[in-house]
């Protein structure tokens, strides 16, 4: 694992985290670690306690309730409404 700047622990598992993080700490070429995969809002605190530098969680974006608003403008309708609008 030479010349690595960051190591990602994908499909994060708390049981194996300590083993991998100790190995990463012994490798001077790795400056940062990231946990991702199977990270939920319920497990993020425990994962943070393992010593990883960054945590990536899709749960933050998968749980968003979105409102999709279109900015498409019907120019013909807009012109018609403009013609009917009285100006002060």
PDB file of N, CA and C in Angstrom:
ATOM      1  N   UNK A   1       0.824  -1.187   0.000  1.00  0.00           N
ATOM      2  CA  UNK A   1       0.000   0.000   0.000  1.00  0.00           C
ATOM      3  C   UNK A   1       0.868   1.250   0.000  1.00  0.00           C
ATOM      4  N   UNK A   2       1.884   1.300  -0.805  1.00  0.00           N
ATOM      5  CA  UNK A   2       2.756   2.466  -0.825  1.00  0.00           C
ATOM      6  C   UNK A   2       2.183   3.562  -1.714  1.00  0.00           C
ATOM      7  N   UNK A   3       2.550   4.788  -1.418  1.00  0.00           N
ATOM      8  CA  UNK A   3       2.161   5.969  -2.180  1.00  0.00           C
ATOM      9  C   UNK A   3       0.667   6.256  -2.165  1.00  0.00           C
ATOM     10  N   UNK A   4      -0.053   5.773  -1.186  1.00  0.00           N
ATOM     11  CA  UNK A   4      -1.470   6.097  -1.063  1.00  0.00           C
ATOM     12  C   UNK A   4      -1.629   7.317  -0.173  1.00  0.00           C
ATOM     13  N   UNK A   5      -2.532   8.179  -0.561  1.00  0.00           N
ATOM     14  CA  UNK A   5      -2.802   9.362   0.232  1.00  0.00           C
ATOM     15  C   UNK A   5      -4.016   9.128   1.125  1.00  0.00           C
ATOM     16  N   UNK A   6      -5.033   8.431   0.584  1.00  0.00           N
ATOM     17  CA  UNK A   6      -6.261   8.172   1.332  1.00  0.00           C
ATOM     18  C   UNK A   6      -6.705   6.739   1.090  1.00  0.00           C
ATOM     19  N   UNK A   7      -7.157   6.078   2.134  1.00  0.00           N
ATOM     20  CA  UNK A   7      -7.658   4.712   2.027  1.00  0.00           C
ATOM     21  C   UNK A   7      -9.137   4.714   2.364  1.00  0.00           C
ATOM     22  N   UNK A   8      -9.952   4.140   1.487  1.00  0.00           N
ATOM     23  CA  UNK A   8     -11.387   4.069   1.710  1.00  0.00           C
ATOM     24  C   UNK A   8     -11.763   2.678   2.200  1.00  0.00           C
ATOM     25  N   UNK A   9     -12.511   2.624   3.290  1.00  0.00           N
ATOM     26  CA  UNK A   9     -13.028   1.360   3.821  1.00  0.00           C
ATOM     27  C   UNK A   9     -14.478   1.260   3.363  1.00  0.00           C
ATOM     28  N   UNK A  10     -14.701   0.631   2.221  1.00  0.00           N
ATOM     29  CA  UNK A  10     -16.035   0.556   1.647  1.00  0.00           C
ATOM     30  C   UNK A  10     -16.796  -0.617   2.258  1.00  0.00           C
ATOM     31  N   UNK A  11     -18.111  -0.538   2.224  1.00  0.00           N
ATOM     32  CA  UNK A  11     -18.983  -1.508   2.893  1.00  0.00           C
ATOM     33  C   UNK A  11     -18.493  -1.634   4.341  1.00  0.00           C
ATOM     34  N   UNK A  12     -18.559  -0.540   5.032  1.00  0.00           N
ATOM     35  CA  UNK A  12     -17.953  -0.424   6.357  1.00  0.00           C
ATOM     36  C   UNK A  12     -18.553  -1.413   7.344  1.00  0.00           C
ATOM     37  N   UNK A  13     -17.666  -2.028   8.119  1.00  0.00           N
ATOM     38  CA  UNK A  13     -18.035  -3.040   9.101  1.00  0.00           C
ATOM     39  C   UNK A  13     -17.314  -2.717  10.407  1.00  0.00           C
ATOM     40  N   UNK A  14     -18.052  -2.488  11.472  1.00  0.00           N
ATOM     41  CA  UNK A  14     -17.437  -2.134  12.753  1.00  0.00           C
ATOM     42  C   UNK A  14     -16.498  -3.214  13.266  1.00  0.00           C
ATOM     43  N   UNK A  15     -16.805  -4.482  13.002  1.00  0.00           N
ATOM     44  CA  UNK A  15     -15.975  -5.583  13.505  1.00  0.00           C
ATOM     45  C   UNK A  15     -14.564  -5.546  12.925  1.00  0.00           C
ATOM     46  N   UNK A  16     -14.444  -5.192  11.648  1.00  0.00           N
ATOM     47  CA  UNK A  16     -13.133  -5.181  11.012  1.00  0.00           C
ATOM     48  C   UNK A  16     -12.442  -3.830  11.041  1.00  0.00           C
ATOM     49  N   UNK A  17     -13.119  -2.812  11.530  1.00  0.00           N
ATOM     50  CA  UNK A  17     -12.570  -1.453  11.478  1.00  0.00           C
ATOM     51  C   UNK A  17     -11.264  -1.321  12.248  1.00  0.00           C
ATOM     52  N   UNK A  18     -11.211  -1.830  13.456  1.00  0.00           N
ATOM     53  CA  UNK A  18     -10.005  -1.676  14.277  1.00  0.00           C
ATOM     54  C   UNK A  18      -8.800  -2.320  13.595  1.00  0.00           C
ATOM     55  N   UNK A  19      -8.967  -3.523  13.069  1.00  0.00           N
ATOM     56  CA  UNK A  19      -7.877  -4.229  12.389  1.00  0.00           C
ATOM     57  C   UNK A  19      -7.313  -3.395  11.238  1.00  0.00           C
ATOM     58  N   UNK A  20      -8.195  -2.895  10.381  1.00  0.00           N
ATOM     59  CA  UNK A  20      -7.736  -2.130   9.222  1.00  0.00           C
ATOM     60  C   UNK A  20      -7.145  -0.788   9.615  1.00  0.00           C
ATOM     61  N   UNK A  21      -7.743  -0.123  10.596  1.00  0.00           N
ATOM     62  CA  UNK A  21      -7.236   1.192  10.991  1.00  0.00           C
ATOM     63  C   UNK A  21      -5.863   1.094  11.639  1.00  0.00           C
ATOM     64  N   UNK A  22      -5.598   0.031  12.391  1.00  0.00           N
ATOM     65  CA  UNK A  22      -4.263  -0.165  12.965  1.00  0.00           C
ATOM     66  C   UNK A  22      -3.253  -0.353  11.839  1.00  0.00           C
ATOM     67  N   UNK A  23      -3.601  -1.146  10.829  1.00  0.00           N
ATOM     68  CA  UNK A  23      -2.698  -1.336   9.686  1.00  0.00           C
ATOM     69  C   UNK A  23      -2.468  -0.021   8.949  1.00  0.00           C
ATOM     70  N   UNK A  24      -3.519   0.772   8.789  1.00  0.00           N
ATOM     71  CA  UNK A  24      -3.375   2.051   8.097  1.00  0.00           C
ATOM     72  C   UNK A  24      -2.510   3.020   8.895  1.00  0.00           C
ATOM     73  N   UNK A  25      -2.645   3.002  10.220  1.00  0.00           N
ATOM     74  CA  UNK A  25      -1.830   3.881  11.065  1.00  0.00           C
ATOM     75  C   UNK A  25      -0.349   3.552  10.939  1.00  0.00           C
ATOM     76  N   UNK A  26      -0.029   2.295  10.691  1.00  0.00           N
ATOM     77  CA  UNK A  26       1.368   1.882  10.563  1.00  0.00           C
ATOM     78  C   UNK A  26       1.959   2.219   9.195  1.00  0.00           C
ATOM     79  N   UNK A  27       1.121   2.563   8.235  1.00  0.00           N
ATOM     80  CA  UNK A  27       1.589   2.899   6.890  1.00  0.00           C
ATOM     81  C   UNK A  27       1.713   4.418   6.789  1.00  0.00           C
ATOM     82  N   UNK A  28       2.935   4.913   6.749  1.00  0.00           N
ATOM     83  CA  UNK A  28       3.189   6.353   6.764  1.00  0.00           C
ATOM     84  C   UNK A  28       2.711   7.072   5.500  1.00  0.00           C
ATOM     85  N   UNK A  29       2.443   6.343   4.425  1.00  0.00           N
ATOM     86  CA  UNK A  29       2.038   6.996   3.181  1.00  0.00           C
ATOM     87  C   UNK A  29       0.543   7.312   3.138  1.00  0.00           C
ATOM     88  N   UNK A  30      -0.222   6.822   4.117  1.00  0.00           N
ATOM     89  CA  UNK A  30      -1.661   7.067   4.144  1.00  0.00           C
ATOM     90  C   UNK A  30      -1.958   8.137   5.184  1.00  0.00           C
ATOM     91  N   UNK A  31      -2.546   9.236   4.724  1.00  0.00           N
ATOM     92  CA  UNK A  31      -2.827  10.357   5.610  1.00  0.00           C
ATOM     93  C   UNK A  31      -4.258  10.370   6.123  1.00  0.00           C
ATOM     94  N   UNK A  32      -5.195   9.839   5.333  1.00  0.00           N
ATOM     95  CA  UNK A  32      -6.604   9.910   5.686  1.00  0.00           C
ATOM     96  C   UNK A  32      -7.280   8.568   5.446  1.00  0.00           C
ATOM     97  N   UNK A  33      -8.360   8.317   6.187  1.00  0.00           N
ATOM     98  CA  UNK A  33      -9.174   7.123   5.960  1.00  0.00           C
ATOM     99  C   UNK A  33     -10.633   7.552   5.858  1.00  0.00           C
ATOM    100  N   UNK A  34     -11.396   6.788   5.090  1.00  0.00           N
ATOM    101  CA  UNK A  34     -12.808   7.101   4.890  1.00  0.00           C
ATOM    102  C   UNK A  34     -13.626   5.830   5.031  1.00  0.00           C
ATOM    103  N   UNK A  35     -14.712   5.905   5.775  1.00  0.00           N
ATOM    104  CA  UNK A  35     -15.648   4.791   5.898  1.00  0.00           C
ATOM    105  C   UNK A  35     -16.863   5.103   5.038  1.00  0.00           C
ATOM    106  N   UNK A  36     -17.297   4.114   4.257  1.00  0.00           N
ATOM    107  CA  UNK A  36     -18.491   4.295   3.436  1.00  0.00           C
ATOM    108  C   UNK A  36     -19.143   2.943   3.201  1.00  0.00           C
ATOM    109  N   UNK A  37     -20.390   2.966   2.807  1.00  0.00           N
ATOM    110  CA  UNK A  37     -21.120   1.725   2.567  1.00  0.00           C
ATOM    111  C   UNK A  37     -21.690   1.182   3.863  1.00  0.00           C
ATOM    112  N   UNK A  38     -22.962   0.927   3.884  1.00  0.00           N
ATOM    113  CA  UNK A  38     -23.662   0.452   5.085  1.00  0.00           C
ATOM    114  C   UNK A  38     -23.580   1.443   6.237  1.00  0.00           C
ATOM    115  N   UNK A  39     -23.387   2.709   5.934  1.00  0.00           N
ATOM    116  CA  UNK A  39     -23.362   3.748   6.963  1.00  0.00           C
ATOM    117  C   UNK A  39     -24.762   4.347   7.042  1.00  0.00           C
ATOM    118  N   UNK A  40     -25.350   4.298   8.228  1.00  0.00           N
ATOM    119  CA  UNK A  40     -26.682   4.866   8.427  1.00  0.00           C
ATOM    120  C   UNK A  40     -26.608   5.939   9.506  1.00  0.00           C
ATOM    121  N   UNK A  41     -27.680   6.683   9.652  1.00  0.00           N
ATOM    122  CA  UNK A  41     -27.720   7.703  10.695  1.00  0.00           C
ATOM    123  C   UNK A  41     -27.644   7.069  12.087  1.00  0.00           C
ATOM    124  N   UNK A  42     -28.051   5.814  12.194  1.00  0.00           N
ATOM    125  CA  UNK A  42     -27.994   5.119  13.481  1.00  0.00           C
ATOM    126  C   UNK A  42     -26.579   4.650  13.826  1.00  0.00           C
ATOM    127  N   UNK A  43     -25.739   4.382  12.826  1.00  0.00           N
ATOM    128  CA  UNK A  43     -24.399   3.836  13.083  1.00  0.00           C
ATOM    129  C   UNK A  43     -23.276   4.850  12.941  1.00  0.00           C
ATOM    130  N   UNK A  44     -23.585   6.057  12.467  1.00  0.00           N
ATOM    131  CA  UNK A  44     -22.519   7.015  12.160  1.00  0.00           C
ATOM    132  C   UNK A  44     -21.710   7.402  13.401  1.00  0.00           C
ATOM    133  N   UNK A  45     -22.336   7.492  14.568  1.00  0.00           N
ATOM    134  CA  UNK A  45     -21.602   7.863  15.788  1.00  0.00           C
ATOM    135  C   UNK A  45     -20.579   6.784  16.162  1.00  0.00           C
ATOM    136  N   UNK A  46     -20.998   5.525  16.144  1.00  0.00           N
ATOM    137  CA  UNK A  46     -20.070   4.428  16.468  1.00  0.00           C
ATOM    138  C   UNK A  46     -18.928   4.357  15.460  1.00  0.00           C
ATOM    139  N   UNK A  47     -19.234   4.592  14.199  1.00  0.00           N
ATOM    140  CA  UNK A  47     -18.194   4.577  13.171  1.00  0.00           C
ATOM    141  C   UNK A  47     -17.203   5.706  13.421  1.00  0.00           C
ATOM    142  N   UNK A  48     -17.698   6.867  13.797  1.00  0.00           N
ATOM    143  CA  UNK A  48     -16.821   7.994  14.102  1.00  0.00           C
ATOM    144  C   UNK A  48     -15.873   7.704  15.244  1.00  0.00           C
ATOM    145  N   UNK A  49     -16.293   6.878  16.183  1.00  0.00           N
ATOM    146  CA  UNK A  49     -15.449   6.526  17.330  1.00  0.00           C
ATOM    147  C   UNK A  49     -14.317   5.566  16.959  1.00  0.00           C
ATOM    148  N   UNK A  50     -14.336   4.991  15.758  1.00  0.00           N
ATOM    149  CA  UNK A  50     -13.273   4.058  15.362  1.00  0.00           C
ATOM    150  C   UNK A  50     -11.988   4.776  14.984  1.00  0.00           C
ATOM    151  N   UNK A  51     -12.077   6.070  14.679  1.00  0.00           N
ATOM    152  CA  UNK A  51     -10.881   6.813  14.319  1.00  0.00           C
ATOM    153  C   UNK A  51     -10.734   7.119  12.845  1.00  0.00           C
ATOM    154  N   UNK A  52     -11.748   6.789  12.029  1.00  0.00           N
ATOM    155  CA  UNK A  52     -11.660   7.144  10.618  1.00  0.00           C
ATOM    156  C   UNK A  52     -11.677   8.664  10.478  1.00  0.00           C
ATOM    157  N   UNK A  53     -11.056   9.153   9.417  1.00  0.00           N
ATOM    158  CA  UNK A  53     -10.981  10.593   9.204  1.00  0.00           C
ATOM    159  C   UNK A  53     -12.279  11.143   8.626  1.00  0.00           C
ATOM    160  N   UNK A  54     -12.856  10.429   7.663  1.00  0.00           N
ATOM    161  CA  UNK A  54     -14.079  10.869   6.996  1.00  0.00           C
ATOM    162  C   UNK A  54     -15.107   9.745   6.986  1.00  0.00           C
ATOM    163  N   UNK A  55     -16.381  10.130   6.995  1.00  0.00           N
ATOM    164  CA  UNK A  55     -17.479   9.168   6.887  1.00  0.00           C
ATOM    165  C   UNK A  55     -18.383   9.630   5.750  1.00  0.00           C
ATOM    166  N   UNK A  56     -18.697   8.707   4.848  1.00  0.00           N
ATOM    167  CA  UNK A  56     -19.580   9.001   3.730  1.00  0.00           C
ATOM    168  C   UNK A  56     -20.847   8.170   3.884  1.00  0.00           C
ATOM    169  N   UNK A  57     -22.009   8.827   3.815  1.00  0.00           N
ATOM    170  CA  UNK A  57     -23.260   8.105   4.000  1.00  0.00           C
ATOM    171  C   UNK A  57     -24.282   8.508   2.950  1.00  0.00           C
ATOM    172  N   UNK A  58     -24.743   7.541   2.198  1.00  0.00           N
ATOM    173  CA  UNK A  58     -25.808   7.796   1.236  1.00  0.00           C
ATOM    174  C   UNK A  58     -27.141   8.021   1.917  1.00  0.00           C
ATOM    175  N   UNK A  59     -27.256   7.636   3.190  1.00  0.00           N
ATOM    176  CA  UNK A  59     -28.510   7.814   3.919  1.00  0.00           C
ATOM    177  C   UNK A  59     -28.908   9.284   3.987  1.00  0.00           C
ATOM    178  N   UNK A  60     -27.935  10.169   3.918  1.00  0.00           N
ATOM    179  CA  UNK A  60     -28.241  11.599   3.967  1.00  0.00           C
ATOM    180  C   UNK A  60     -28.993  12.052   2.724  1.00  0.00           C
ATOM    181  N   UNK A  61     -28.647  11.501   1.578  1.00  0.00           N
ATOM    182  CA  UNK A  61     -29.308  11.908   0.339  1.00  0.00           C
ATOM    183  C   UNK A  61     -30.463  10.992  -0.039  1.00  0.00           C
ATOM    184  N   UNK A  62     -30.449   9.753   0.393  1.00  0.00           N
ATOM    185  CA  UNK A  62     -31.521   8.816   0.039  1.00  0.00           C
ATOM    186  C   UNK A  62     -32.805   9.106   0.798  1.00  0.00           C
ATOM    187  N   UNK A  63     -32.724   9.817   1.917  1.00  0.00           N
ATOM    188  CA  UNK A  63     -33.905  10.062   2.739  1.00  0.00           C
ATOM    189  C   UNK A  63     -34.532  11.431   2.501  1.00  0.00           C
ATOM    190  N   UNK A  64     -34.018  12.179   1.554  1.00  0.00           N
ATOM    191  CA  UNK A  64     -34.517  13.530   1.301  1.00  0.00           C
ATOM    192  C   UNK A  64     -35.873  13.477   0.610  1.00  0.00           C
ATOM    193  N   UNK A  65     -36.793  14.288   1.086  1.00  0.00           N
ATOM    194  CA  UNK A  65     -38.080  14.455   0.424  1.00  0.00           C
ATOM    195  C   UNK A  65     -37.930  15.640  -0.520  1.00  0.00           C
ATOM    196  N   UNK A  66     -38.058  15.400  -1.804  1.00  0.00           N
ATOM    197  CA  UNK A  66     -37.766  16.440  -2.790  1.00  0.00           C
ATOM    198  C   UNK A  66     -39.036  17.027  -3.393  1.00  0.00           C
ATOM    199  N   UNK A  67     -38.918  18.272  -3.798  1.00  0.00           N
ATOM    200  CA  UNK A  67     -39.964  18.947  -4.548  1.00  0.00           C
ATOM    201  C   UNK A  67     -39.346  19.347  -5.880  1.00  0.00           C
ATOM    202  N   UNK A  68     -39.886  18.839  -6.955  1.00  0.00           N
ATOM    203  CA  UNK A  68     -39.339  19.108  -8.284  1.00  0.00           C
ATOM    204  C   UNK A  68     -40.147  20.226  -8.932  1.00  0.00           C
ATOM    205  N   UNK A  69     -39.519  21.379  -9.101  1.00  0.00           N
ATOM    206  CA  UNK A  69     -40.186  22.526  -9.704  1.00  0.00           C
ATOM    207  C   UNK A  69     -39.535  22.799 -11.056  1.00  0.00           C
ATOM    208  N   UNK A  70     -40.345  22.850 -12.079  1.00  0.00           N
ATOM    209  CA  UNK A  70     -39.828  23.107 -13.420  1.00  0.00           C
ATOM    210  C   UNK A  70     -39.741  24.609 -13.673  1.00  0.00           C
ATOM    211  N   UNK A  71     -38.698  25.011 -14.373  1.00  0.00           N
ATOM    212  CA  UNK A  71     -38.546  26.406 -14.763  1.00  0.00           C
ATOM    213  C   UNK A  71     -38.817  26.594 -16.250  1.00  0.00           C
ATOM    214  N   UNK A  72     -39.489  25.618 -16.844  1.00  0.00           N
ATOM    215  CA  UNK A  72     -39.857  25.741 -18.254  1.00  0.00           C
ATOM    216  C   UNK A  72     -40.964  26.795 -18.385  1.00  0.00           C
ATOM    217  N   UNK A  73     -40.815  27.677 -19.347  1.00  0.00           N
ATOM    218  CA  UNK A  73     -41.784  28.752 -19.547  1.00  0.00           C
ATOM    219  C   UNK A  73     -42.437  28.579 -20.914  1.00  0.00           C
ATOM    220  N   UNK A  74     -43.748  28.588 -20.911  1.00  0.00           N
ATOM    221  CA  UNK A  74     -44.504  28.551 -22.161  1.00  0.00           C
ATOM    222  C   UNK A  74     -44.527  29.983 -22.692  1.00  0.00           C
ATOM    223  N   UNK A  75     -43.686  30.261 -23.668  1.00  0.00           N
ATOM    224  CA  UNK A  75     -43.537  31.641 -24.144  1.00  0.00           C
ATOM    225  C   UNK A  75     -44.812  32.175 -24.782  1.00  0.00           C
ATOM    226  N   UNK A  76     -45.550  31.329 -25.492  1.00  0.00           N
ATOM    227  CA  UNK A  76     -46.810  31.783 -26.101  1.00  0.00           C
ATOM    228  C   UNK A  76     -47.797  32.205 -25.024  1.00  0.00           C
ATOM    229  N   UNK A  77     -47.932  31.401 -23.988  1.00  0.00           N
ATOM    230  CA  UNK A  77     -48.839  31.728 -22.892  1.00  0.00           C
ATOM    231  C   UNK A  77     -48.371  32.988 -22.169  1.00  0.00           C
ATOM    232  N   UNK A  78     -47.074  33.110 -21.957  1.00  0.00           N
ATOM    233  CA  UNK A  78     -46.539  34.286 -21.273  1.00  0.00           C
ATOM    234  C   UNK A  78     -46.828  35.555 -22.067  1.00  0.00           C
ATOM    235  N   UNK A  79     -46.695  35.491 -23.389  1.00  0.00           N
ATOM    236  CA  UNK A  79     -46.997  36.654 -24.229  1.00  0.00           C
ATOM    237  C   UNK A  79     -48.481  37.003 -24.173  1.00  0.00           C
ATOM    238  N   UNK A  80     -49.332  35.990 -24.201  1.00  0.00           N
ATOM    239  CA  UNK A  80     -50.779  36.220 -24.135  1.00  0.00           C
ATOM    240  C   UNK A  80     -51.170  36.860 -22.805  1.00  0.00           C
ATOM    241  N   UNK A  81     -50.635  36.351 -21.722  1.00  0.00           N
ATOM    242  CA  UNK A  81     -50.918  36.921 -20.399  1.00  0.00           C
ATOM    243  C   UNK A  81     -50.399  38.349 -20.338  1.00  0.00           C
ATOM    244  N   UNK A  82     -49.233  38.586 -20.905  1.00  0.00           N
ATOM    245  CA  UNK A  82     -48.666  39.933 -20.929  1.00  0.00           C
ATOM    246  C   UNK A  82     -49.536  40.911 -21.695  1.00  0.00           C
ATOM    247  N   UNK A  83     -50.149  40.462 -22.774  1.00  0.00           N
ATOM    248  CA  UNK A  83     -51.027  41.333 -23.566  1.00  0.00           C
ATOM    249  C   UNK A  83     -52.292  41.688 -22.796  1.00  0.00           C
ATOM    250  N   UNK A  84     -52.780  40.762 -21.980  1.00  0.00           N
ATOM    251  CA  UNK A  84     -54.019  40.988 -21.235  1.00  0.00           C
ATOM    252  C   UNK A  84     -53.805  41.749 -19.935  1.00  0.00           C
ATOM    253  N   UNK A  85     -52.567  41.877 -19.509  1.00  0.00           N
ATOM    254  CA  UNK A  85     -52.284  42.536 -18.239  1.00  0.00           C
ATOM    255  C   UNK A  85     -52.279  44.045 -18.438  1.00  0.00           C
ATOM    256  N   UNK A  86     -53.042  44.733 -17.608  1.00  0.00           N
ATOM    257  CA  UNK A  86     -53.079  46.194 -17.685  1.00  0.00           C
ATOM    258  C   UNK A  86     -51.890  46.748 -16.927  1.00  0.00           C
ATOM    259  N   UNK A  87     -51.269  47.720 -17.492  1.00  0.00           N
ATOM    260  CA  UNK A  87     -50.137  48.366 -16.821  1.00  0.00           C
ATOM    261  C   UNK A  87     -50.632  49.626 -16.135  1.00  0.00           C
ATOM    262  N   UNK A  88     -50.051  49.890 -14.976  1.00  0.00           N
ATOM    263  CA  UNK A  88     -50.472  51.074 -14.213  1.00  0.00           C
ATOM    264  C   UNK A  88     -49.851  52.329 -14.771  1.00  0.00           C
TER     265      UNK A  88
END
